[in-house]
């Protein structure tokens, strides 16, 4: 991330670990929100299409929903958890 840049987190999952000196010294910031706006979604799709970011998802059977919810609550889902019919 460039000096003065912003790291955006949209949705749940994963962990962000950054030494505070890295944020302060280079005037970087972390911004987080639950869903994001439609313009955030458009920008996300554009960044992915350009190969600048990697989208992460996990696919689970619908019958495993309780186990998936347990993983989500424990912070063990990185990206999106997608449920598909059995």
PDB file of N, CA and C in Angstrom:
ATOM      1  N   UNK A   1       0.850  -1.174   0.000  1.00  0.00           N
ATOM      2  CA  UNK A   1       0.000   0.000   0.000  1.00  0.00           C
ATOM      3  C   UNK A   1       0.899   1.242   0.000  1.00  0.00           C
ATOM      4  N   UNK A   2       0.543   2.194  -0.825  1.00  0.00           N
ATOM      5  CA  UNK A   2       1.334   3.415  -0.963  1.00  0.00           C
ATOM      6  C   UNK A   2       1.200   4.305   0.277  1.00  0.00           C
ATOM      7  N   UNK A   3       2.138   5.194   0.449  1.00  0.00           N
ATOM      8  CA  UNK A   3       2.078   6.184   1.522  1.00  0.00           C
ATOM      9  C   UNK A   3       0.746   6.935   1.415  1.00  0.00           C
ATOM     10  N   UNK A   4       0.059   7.083   2.522  1.00  0.00           N
ATOM     11  CA  UNK A   4      -1.220   7.773   2.538  1.00  0.00           C
ATOM     12  C   UNK A   4      -2.372   6.919   2.043  1.00  0.00           C
ATOM     13  N   UNK A   5      -2.123   5.629   1.774  1.00  0.00           N
ATOM     14  CA  UNK A   5      -3.153   4.739   1.244  1.00  0.00           C
ATOM     15  C   UNK A   5      -4.131   4.250   2.301  1.00  0.00           C
ATOM     16  N   UNK A   6      -5.211   3.662   1.836  1.00  0.00           N
ATOM     17  CA  UNK A   6      -6.242   3.111   2.712  1.00  0.00           C
ATOM     18  C   UNK A   6      -6.465   1.651   2.373  1.00  0.00           C
ATOM     19  N   UNK A   7      -6.429   0.784   3.390  1.00  0.00           N
ATOM     20  CA  UNK A   7      -6.724  -0.635   3.249  1.00  0.00           C
ATOM     21  C   UNK A   7      -8.184  -0.813   3.642  1.00  0.00           C
ATOM     22  N   UNK A   8      -9.015  -1.269   2.717  1.00  0.00           N
ATOM     23  CA  UNK A   8     -10.446  -1.400   2.973  1.00  0.00           C
ATOM     24  C   UNK A   8     -10.817  -2.846   3.236  1.00  0.00           C
ATOM     25  N   UNK A   9     -11.575  -3.065   4.306  1.00  0.00           N
ATOM     26  CA  UNK A   9     -12.075  -4.383   4.657  1.00  0.00           C
ATOM     27  C   UNK A   9     -13.593  -4.319   4.551  1.00  0.00           C
ATOM     28  N   UNK A  10     -14.164  -5.211   3.731  1.00  0.00           N
ATOM     29  CA  UNK A  10     -15.611  -5.239   3.568  1.00  0.00           C
ATOM     30  C   UNK A  10     -16.101  -6.611   3.969  1.00  0.00           C
ATOM     31  N   UNK A  11     -16.933  -6.685   4.985  1.00  0.00           N
ATOM     32  CA  UNK A  11     -17.477  -7.963   5.447  1.00  0.00           C
ATOM     33  C   UNK A  11     -16.633  -8.581   6.537  1.00  0.00           C
ATOM     34  N   UNK A  12     -17.037  -9.784   6.929  1.00  0.00           N
ATOM     35  CA  UNK A  12     -16.403 -10.507   8.025  1.00  0.00           C
ATOM     36  C   UNK A  12     -15.302 -11.424   7.529  1.00  0.00           C
ATOM     37  N   UNK A  13     -14.502 -11.895   8.449  1.00  0.00           N
ATOM     38  CA  UNK A  13     -13.512 -12.927   8.162  1.00  0.00           C
ATOM     39  C   UNK A  13     -12.098 -12.400   8.108  1.00  0.00           C
ATOM     40  N   UNK A  14     -11.179 -13.234   8.533  1.00  0.00           N
ATOM     41  CA  UNK A  14      -9.773 -12.884   8.482  1.00  0.00           C
ATOM     42  C   UNK A  14      -9.348 -11.979   9.616  1.00  0.00           C
ATOM     43  N   UNK A  15      -8.072 -11.630   9.610  1.00  0.00           N
ATOM     44  CA  UNK A  15      -7.481 -10.788  10.647  1.00  0.00           C
ATOM     45  C   UNK A  15      -6.538  -9.800   9.988  1.00  0.00           C
ATOM     46  N   UNK A  16      -6.553  -8.576  10.456  1.00  0.00           N
ATOM     47  CA  UNK A  16      -5.624  -7.565   9.967  1.00  0.00           C
ATOM     48  C   UNK A  16      -4.630  -7.299  11.093  1.00  0.00           C
ATOM     49  N   UNK A  17      -3.350  -7.541  10.822  1.00  0.00           N
ATOM     50  CA  UNK A  17      -2.307  -7.309  11.817  1.00  0.00           C
ATOM     51  C   UNK A  17      -1.250  -6.400  11.197  1.00  0.00           C
ATOM     52  N   UNK A  18      -1.179  -5.189  11.714  1.00  0.00           N
ATOM     53  CA  UNK A  18      -0.236  -4.209  11.190  1.00  0.00           C
ATOM     54  C   UNK A  18       0.371  -3.461  12.374  1.00  0.00           C
ATOM     55  N   UNK A  19       1.690  -3.343  12.435  1.00  0.00           N
ATOM     56  CA  UNK A  19       2.293  -2.540  13.498  1.00  0.00           C
ATOM     57  C   UNK A  19       1.845  -1.079  13.365  1.00  0.00           C
ATOM     58  N   UNK A  20       1.525  -0.463  14.477  1.00  0.00           N
ATOM     59  CA  UNK A  20       1.030   0.922  14.428  1.00  0.00           C
ATOM     60  C   UNK A  20       2.051   1.874  13.823  1.00  0.00           C
ATOM     61  N   UNK A  21       3.341   1.599  14.004  1.00  0.00           N
ATOM     62  CA  UNK A  21       4.357   2.475  13.431  1.00  0.00           C
ATOM     63  C   UNK A  21       4.270   2.494  11.903  1.00  0.00           C
ATOM     64  N   UNK A  22       3.867   1.381  11.292  1.00  0.00           N
ATOM     65  CA  UNK A  22       3.715   1.340   9.834  1.00  0.00           C
ATOM     66  C   UNK A  22       2.562   2.221   9.374  1.00  0.00           C
ATOM     67  N   UNK A  23       1.513   2.290  10.186  1.00  0.00           N
ATOM     68  CA  UNK A  23       0.371   3.141   9.830  1.00  0.00           C
ATOM     69  C   UNK A  23       0.708   4.616  10.047  1.00  0.00           C
ATOM     70  N   UNK A  24       1.258   4.923  11.185  1.00  0.00           N
ATOM     71  CA  UNK A  24       1.533   6.314  11.542  1.00  0.00           C
ATOM     72  C   UNK A  24       2.645   6.903  10.683  1.00  0.00           C
ATOM     73  N   UNK A  25       3.743   6.153  10.553  1.00  0.00           N
ATOM     74  CA  UNK A  25       4.909   6.660   9.821  1.00  0.00           C
ATOM     75  C   UNK A  25       4.628   6.970   8.369  1.00  0.00           C
ATOM     76  N   UNK A  26       3.750   6.202   7.755  1.00  0.00           N
ATOM     77  CA  UNK A  26       3.451   6.420   6.342  1.00  0.00           C
ATOM     78  C   UNK A  26       2.030   6.934   6.118  1.00  0.00           C
ATOM     79  N   UNK A  27       1.382   7.366   7.201  1.00  0.00           N
ATOM     80  CA  UNK A  27       0.044   7.951   7.140  1.00  0.00           C
ATOM     81  C   UNK A  27      -0.947   7.062   6.400  1.00  0.00           C
ATOM     82  N   UNK A  28      -0.896   5.750   6.702  1.00  0.00           N
ATOM     83  CA  UNK A  28      -1.816   4.783   6.114  1.00  0.00           C
ATOM     84  C   UNK A  28      -3.010   4.617   7.034  1.00  0.00           C
ATOM     85  N   UNK A  29      -4.113   4.097   6.498  1.00  0.00           N
ATOM     86  CA  UNK A  29      -5.294   3.882   7.325  1.00  0.00           C
ATOM     87  C   UNK A  29      -5.989   2.582   6.938  1.00  0.00           C
ATOM     88  N   UNK A  30      -6.783   2.096   7.879  1.00  0.00           N
ATOM     89  CA  UNK A  30      -7.604   0.911   7.654  1.00  0.00           C
ATOM     90  C   UNK A  30      -9.047   1.339   7.828  1.00  0.00           C
ATOM     91  N   UNK A  31      -9.872   1.002   6.851  1.00  0.00           N
ATOM     92  CA  UNK A  31     -11.292   1.360   6.876  1.00  0.00           C
ATOM     93  C   UNK A  31     -12.089   0.060   6.776  1.00  0.00           C
ATOM     94  N   UNK A  32     -13.095  -0.085   7.604  1.00  0.00           N
ATOM     95  CA  UNK A  32     -13.886  -1.316   7.579  1.00  0.00           C
ATOM     96  C   UNK A  32     -15.373  -0.993   7.620  1.00  0.00           C
ATOM     97  N   UNK A  33     -16.142  -1.795   6.872  1.00  0.00           N
ATOM     98  CA  UNK A  33     -17.590  -1.709   6.979  1.00  0.00           C
ATOM     99  C   UNK A  33     -18.176  -3.078   6.666  1.00  0.00           C
ATOM    100  N   UNK A  34     -19.411  -3.254   7.040  1.00  0.00           N
ATOM    101  CA  UNK A  34     -20.042  -4.561   6.935  1.00  0.00           C
ATOM    102  C   UNK A  34     -20.328  -4.967   5.498  1.00  0.00           C
ATOM    103  N   UNK A  35     -20.908  -4.096   4.719  1.00  0.00           N
ATOM    104  CA  UNK A  35     -21.351  -4.475   3.383  1.00  0.00           C
ATOM    105  C   UNK A  35     -20.660  -3.662   2.299  1.00  0.00           C
ATOM    106  N   UNK A  36     -20.614  -2.396   2.425  1.00  0.00           N
ATOM    107  CA  UNK A  36     -20.063  -1.539   1.379  1.00  0.00           C
ATOM    108  C   UNK A  36     -21.185  -0.967   0.526  1.00  0.00           C
ATOM    109  N   UNK A  37     -20.853   0.044  -0.226  1.00  0.00           N
ATOM    110  CA  UNK A  37     -21.833   0.697  -1.094  1.00  0.00           C
ATOM    111  C   UNK A  37     -21.770   0.078  -2.485  1.00  0.00           C
ATOM    112  N   UNK A  38     -22.686   0.478  -3.344  1.00  0.00           N
ATOM    113  CA  UNK A  38     -22.660  -0.030  -4.721  1.00  0.00           C
ATOM    114  C   UNK A  38     -21.396   0.435  -5.438  1.00  0.00           C
ATOM    115  N   UNK A  39     -20.906   1.626  -5.120  1.00  0.00           N
ATOM    116  CA  UNK A  39     -19.658   2.083  -5.744  1.00  0.00           C
ATOM    117  C   UNK A  39     -18.466   1.275  -5.233  1.00  0.00           C
ATOM    118  N   UNK A  40     -18.515   0.845  -3.941  1.00  0.00           N
ATOM    119  CA  UNK A  40     -17.473  -0.041  -3.410  1.00  0.00           C
ATOM    120  C   UNK A  40     -17.469  -1.365  -4.171  1.00  0.00           C
ATOM    121  N   UNK A  41     -18.655  -1.905  -4.428  1.00  0.00           N
ATOM    122  CA  UNK A  41     -18.768  -3.169  -5.145  1.00  0.00           C
ATOM    123  C   UNK A  41     -18.231  -3.027  -6.564  1.00  0.00           C
ATOM    124  N   UNK A  42     -18.578  -1.946  -7.237  1.00  0.00           N
ATOM    125  CA  UNK A  42     -18.089  -1.706  -8.594  1.00  0.00           C
ATOM    126  C   UNK A  42     -16.559  -1.633  -8.603  1.00  0.00           C
ATOM    127  N   UNK A  43     -15.996  -0.885  -7.663  1.00  0.00           N
ATOM    128  CA  UNK A  43     -14.536  -0.755  -7.586  1.00  0.00           C
ATOM    129  C   UNK A  43     -13.885  -2.104  -7.286  1.00  0.00           C
ATOM    130  N   UNK A  44     -14.498  -2.894  -6.428  1.00  0.00           N
ATOM    131  CA  UNK A  44     -13.986  -4.220  -6.101  1.00  0.00           C
ATOM    132  C   UNK A  44     -13.950  -5.113  -7.336  1.00  0.00           C
ATOM    133  N   UNK A  45     -15.013  -5.098  -8.120  1.00  0.00           N
ATOM    134  CA  UNK A  45     -15.071  -5.898  -9.346  1.00  0.00           C
ATOM    135  C   UNK A  45     -14.007  -5.427 -10.343  1.00  0.00           C
ATOM    136  N   UNK A  46     -13.823  -4.128 -10.468  1.00  0.00           N
ATOM    137  CA  UNK A  46     -12.812  -3.586 -11.368  1.00  0.00           C
ATOM    138  C   UNK A  46     -11.396  -4.000 -10.928  1.00  0.00           C
ATOM    139  N   UNK A  47     -11.125  -3.936  -9.626  1.00  0.00           N
ATOM    140  CA  UNK A  47      -9.810  -4.331  -9.119  1.00  0.00           C
ATOM    141  C   UNK A  47      -9.551  -5.814  -9.364  1.00  0.00           C
ATOM    142  N   UNK A  48     -10.580  -6.640  -9.166  1.00  0.00           N
ATOM    143  CA  UNK A  48     -10.435  -8.071  -9.416  1.00  0.00           C
ATOM    144  C   UNK A  48     -10.203  -8.347 -10.901  1.00  0.00           C
ATOM    145  N   UNK A  49     -10.958  -7.686 -11.759  1.00  0.00           N
ATOM    146  CA  UNK A  49     -10.805  -7.875 -13.199  1.00  0.00           C
ATOM    147  C   UNK A  49      -9.406  -7.473 -13.671  1.00  0.00           C
ATOM    148  N   UNK A  50      -8.818  -6.486 -13.017  1.00  0.00           N
ATOM    149  CA  UNK A  50      -7.478  -6.024 -13.374  1.00  0.00           C
ATOM    150  C   UNK A  50      -6.389  -6.889 -12.748  1.00  0.00           C
ATOM    151  N   UNK A  51      -6.785  -7.882 -11.944  1.00  0.00           N
ATOM    152  CA  UNK A  51      -5.814  -8.764 -11.302  1.00  0.00           C
ATOM    153  C   UNK A  51      -5.089  -8.140 -10.131  1.00  0.00           C
ATOM    154  N   UNK A  52      -5.642  -7.063  -9.585  1.00  0.00           N
ATOM    155  CA  UNK A  52      -4.982  -6.345  -8.491  1.00  0.00           C
ATOM    156  C   UNK A  52      -5.361  -6.867  -7.117  1.00  0.00           C
ATOM    157  N   UNK A  53      -6.458  -7.631  -7.027  1.00  0.00           N
ATOM    158  CA  UNK A  53      -6.851  -8.238  -5.753  1.00  0.00           C
ATOM    159  C   UNK A  53      -7.330  -9.656  -6.011  1.00  0.00           C
ATOM    160  N   UNK A  54      -7.301 -10.455  -4.961  1.00  0.00           N
ATOM    161  CA  UNK A  54      -7.780 -11.832  -5.037  1.00  0.00           C
ATOM    162  C   UNK A  54      -9.011 -11.947  -4.153  1.00  0.00           C
ATOM    163  N   UNK A  55     -10.095 -12.450  -4.721  1.00  0.00           N
ATOM    164  CA  UNK A  55     -11.307 -12.665  -3.944  1.00  0.00           C
ATOM    165  C   UNK A  55     -11.263 -14.071  -3.371  1.00  0.00           C
ATOM    166  N   UNK A  56     -11.677 -14.221  -2.130  1.00  0.00           N
ATOM    167  CA  UNK A  56     -11.629 -15.522  -1.467  1.00  0.00           C
ATOM    168  C   UNK A  56     -13.031 -15.965  -1.100  1.00  0.00           C
ATOM    169  N   UNK A  57     -13.299 -17.233  -1.353  1.00  0.00           N
ATOM    170  CA  UNK A  57     -14.594 -17.794  -0.969  1.00  0.00           C
ATOM    171  C   UNK A  57     -14.437 -19.269  -0.658  1.00  0.00           C
ATOM    172  N   UNK A  58     -15.348 -19.767   0.144  1.00  0.00           N
ATOM    173  CA  UNK A  58     -15.422 -21.182   0.488  1.00  0.00           C
ATOM    174  C   UNK A  58     -16.813 -21.667   0.116  1.00  0.00           C
ATOM    175  N   UNK A  59     -16.912 -22.882  -0.407  1.00  0.00           N
ATOM    176  CA  UNK A  59     -18.207 -23.455  -0.758  1.00  0.00           C
ATOM    177  C   UNK A  59     -18.517 -24.590   0.211  1.00  0.00           C
ATOM    178  N   UNK A  60     -19.753 -24.574   0.745  1.00  0.00           N
ATOM    179  CA  UNK A  60     -20.176 -25.590   1.716  1.00  0.00           C
ATOM    180  C   UNK A  60     -21.568 -26.098   1.337  1.00  0.00           C
ATOM    181  N   UNK A  61     -21.843 -27.338   1.714  1.00  0.00           N
ATOM    182  CA  UNK A  61     -23.179 -27.889   1.502  1.00  0.00           C
ATOM    183  C   UNK A  61     -24.160 -27.206   2.452  1.00  0.00           C
ATOM    184  N   UNK A  62     -25.362 -26.999   1.990  1.00  0.00           N
ATOM    185  CA  UNK A  62     -26.393 -26.366   2.808  1.00  0.00           C
ATOM    186  C   UNK A  62     -26.634 -27.144   4.097  1.00  0.00           C
ATOM    187  N   UNK A  63     -26.542 -28.464   4.045  1.00  0.00           N
ATOM    188  CA  UNK A  63     -26.776 -29.277   5.245  1.00  0.00           C
ATOM    189  C   UNK A  63     -25.691 -29.055   6.308  1.00  0.00           C
ATOM    190  N   UNK A  64     -24.570 -28.418   5.951  1.00  0.00           N
ATOM    191  CA  UNK A  64     -23.501 -28.124   6.913  1.00  0.00           C
ATOM    192  C   UNK A  64     -23.624 -26.733   7.510  1.00  0.00           C
ATOM    193  N   UNK A  65     -24.793 -26.131   7.400  1.00  0.00           N
ATOM    194  CA  UNK A  65     -24.961 -24.732   7.801  1.00  0.00           C
ATOM    195  C   UNK A  65     -24.564 -24.459   9.246  1.00  0.00           C
ATOM    196  N   UNK A  66     -24.878 -25.363  10.163  1.00  0.00           N
ATOM    197  CA  UNK A  66     -24.529 -25.115  11.564  1.00  0.00           C
ATOM    198  C   UNK A  66     -23.020 -25.104  11.776  1.00  0.00           C
ATOM    199  N   UNK A  67     -22.304 -26.005  11.123  1.00  0.00           N
ATOM    200  CA  UNK A  67     -20.844 -26.014  11.223  1.00  0.00           C
ATOM    201  C   UNK A  67     -20.251 -24.758  10.593  1.00  0.00           C
ATOM    202  N   UNK A  68     -20.824 -24.310   9.492  1.00  0.00           N
ATOM    203  CA  UNK A  68     -20.345 -23.090   8.826  1.00  0.00           C
ATOM    204  C   UNK A  68     -20.590 -21.871   9.717  1.00  0.00           C
ATOM    205  N   UNK A  69     -21.734 -21.805  10.354  1.00  0.00           N
ATOM    206  CA  UNK A  69     -22.016 -20.703  11.281  1.00  0.00           C
ATOM    207  C   UNK A  69     -21.045 -20.712  12.453  1.00  0.00           C
ATOM    208  N   UNK A  70     -20.701 -21.896  12.945  1.00  0.00           N
ATOM    209  CA  UNK A  70     -19.705 -21.997  14.022  1.00  0.00           C
ATOM    210  C   UNK A  70     -18.356 -21.460  13.554  1.00  0.00           C
ATOM    211  N   UNK A  71     -17.949 -21.812  12.321  1.00  0.00           N
ATOM    212  CA  UNK A  71     -16.696 -21.296  11.758  1.00  0.00           C
ATOM    213  C   UNK A  71     -16.734 -19.777  11.630  1.00  0.00           C
ATOM    214  N   UNK A  72     -17.875 -19.251  11.184  1.00  0.00           N
ATOM    215  CA  UNK A  72     -18.015 -17.807  11.026  1.00  0.00           C
ATOM    216  C   UNK A  72     -17.887 -17.100  12.369  1.00  0.00           C
ATOM    217  N   UNK A  73     -18.579 -17.621  13.369  1.00  0.00           N
ATOM    218  CA  UNK A  73     -18.516 -17.011  14.715  1.00  0.00           C
ATOM    219  C   UNK A  73     -17.109 -17.063  15.307  1.00  0.00           C
ATOM    220  N   UNK A  74     -16.359 -18.112  14.961  1.00  0.00           N
ATOM    221  CA  UNK A  74     -15.001 -18.277  15.483  1.00  0.00           C
ATOM    222  C   UNK A  74     -13.967 -17.497  14.667  1.00  0.00           C
ATOM    223  N   UNK A  75     -14.416 -16.803  13.620  1.00  0.00           N
ATOM    224  CA  UNK A  75     -13.495 -16.040  12.787  1.00  0.00           C
ATOM    225  C   UNK A  75     -12.636 -16.911  11.885  1.00  0.00           C
ATOM    226  N   UNK A  76     -13.127 -18.110  11.571  1.00  0.00           N
ATOM    227  CA  UNK A  76     -12.359 -19.058  10.769  1.00  0.00           C
ATOM    228  C   UNK A  76     -12.736 -19.059   9.292  1.00  0.00           C
ATOM    229  N   UNK A  77     -13.578 -18.132   8.867  1.00  0.00           N
ATOM    230  CA  UNK A  77     -13.952 -18.023   7.454  1.00  0.00           C
ATOM    231  C   UNK A  77     -13.207 -16.829   6.874  1.00  0.00           C
ATOM    232  N   UNK A  78     -12.432 -17.082   5.833  1.00  0.00           N
ATOM    233  CA  UNK A  78     -11.713 -16.002   5.157  1.00  0.00           C
ATOM    234  C   UNK A  78     -12.430 -15.718   3.849  1.00  0.00           C
ATOM    235  N   UNK A  79     -12.913 -14.520   3.684  1.00  0.00           N
ATOM    236  CA  UNK A  79     -13.686 -14.178   2.490  1.00  0.00           C
ATOM    237  C   UNK A  79     -15.151 -14.490   2.718  1.00  0.00           C
ATOM    238  N   UNK A  80     -15.762 -15.145   1.755  1.00  0.00           N
ATOM    239  CA  UNK A  80     -17.194 -15.457   1.810  1.00  0.00           C
ATOM    240  C   UNK A  80     -17.399 -16.954   1.972  1.00  0.00           C
ATOM    241  N   UNK A  81     -18.414 -17.311   2.727  1.00  0.00           N
ATOM    242  CA  UNK A  81     -18.855 -18.692   2.823  1.00  0.00           C
ATOM    243  C   UNK A  81     -20.129 -18.811   1.992  1.00  0.00           C
ATOM    244  N   UNK A  82     -20.080 -19.638   0.967  1.00  0.00           N
ATOM    245  CA  UNK A  82     -21.214 -19.802   0.062  1.00  0.00           C
ATOM    246  C   UNK A  82     -21.850 -21.161   0.327  1.00  0.00           C
ATOM    247  N   UNK A  83     -23.163 -21.165   0.587  1.00  0.00           N
ATOM    248  CA  UNK A  83     -23.891 -22.410   0.813  1.00  0.00           C
ATOM    249  C   UNK A  83     -24.592 -22.840  -0.473  1.00  0.00           C
ATOM    250  N   UNK A  84     -24.437 -24.110  -0.828  1.00  0.00           N
ATOM    251  CA  UNK A  84     -25.069 -24.639  -2.038  1.00  0.00           C
ATOM    252  C   UNK A  84     -25.961 -25.825  -1.643  1.00  0.00           C
ATOM    253  N   UNK A  85     -27.057 -26.011  -2.353  1.00  0.00           N
ATOM    254  CA  UNK A  85     -27.957 -27.139  -2.035  1.00  0.00           C
ATOM    255  C   UNK A  85     -27.212 -28.468  -2.139  1.00  0.00           C
ATOM    256  N   UNK A  86     -27.627 -29.406  -1.285  1.00  0.00           N
ATOM    257  CA  UNK A  86     -27.026 -30.752  -1.309  1.00  0.00           C
ATOM    258  C   UNK A  86     -27.391 -31.484  -2.575  1.00  0.00           C
TER     259      UNK A  86
END
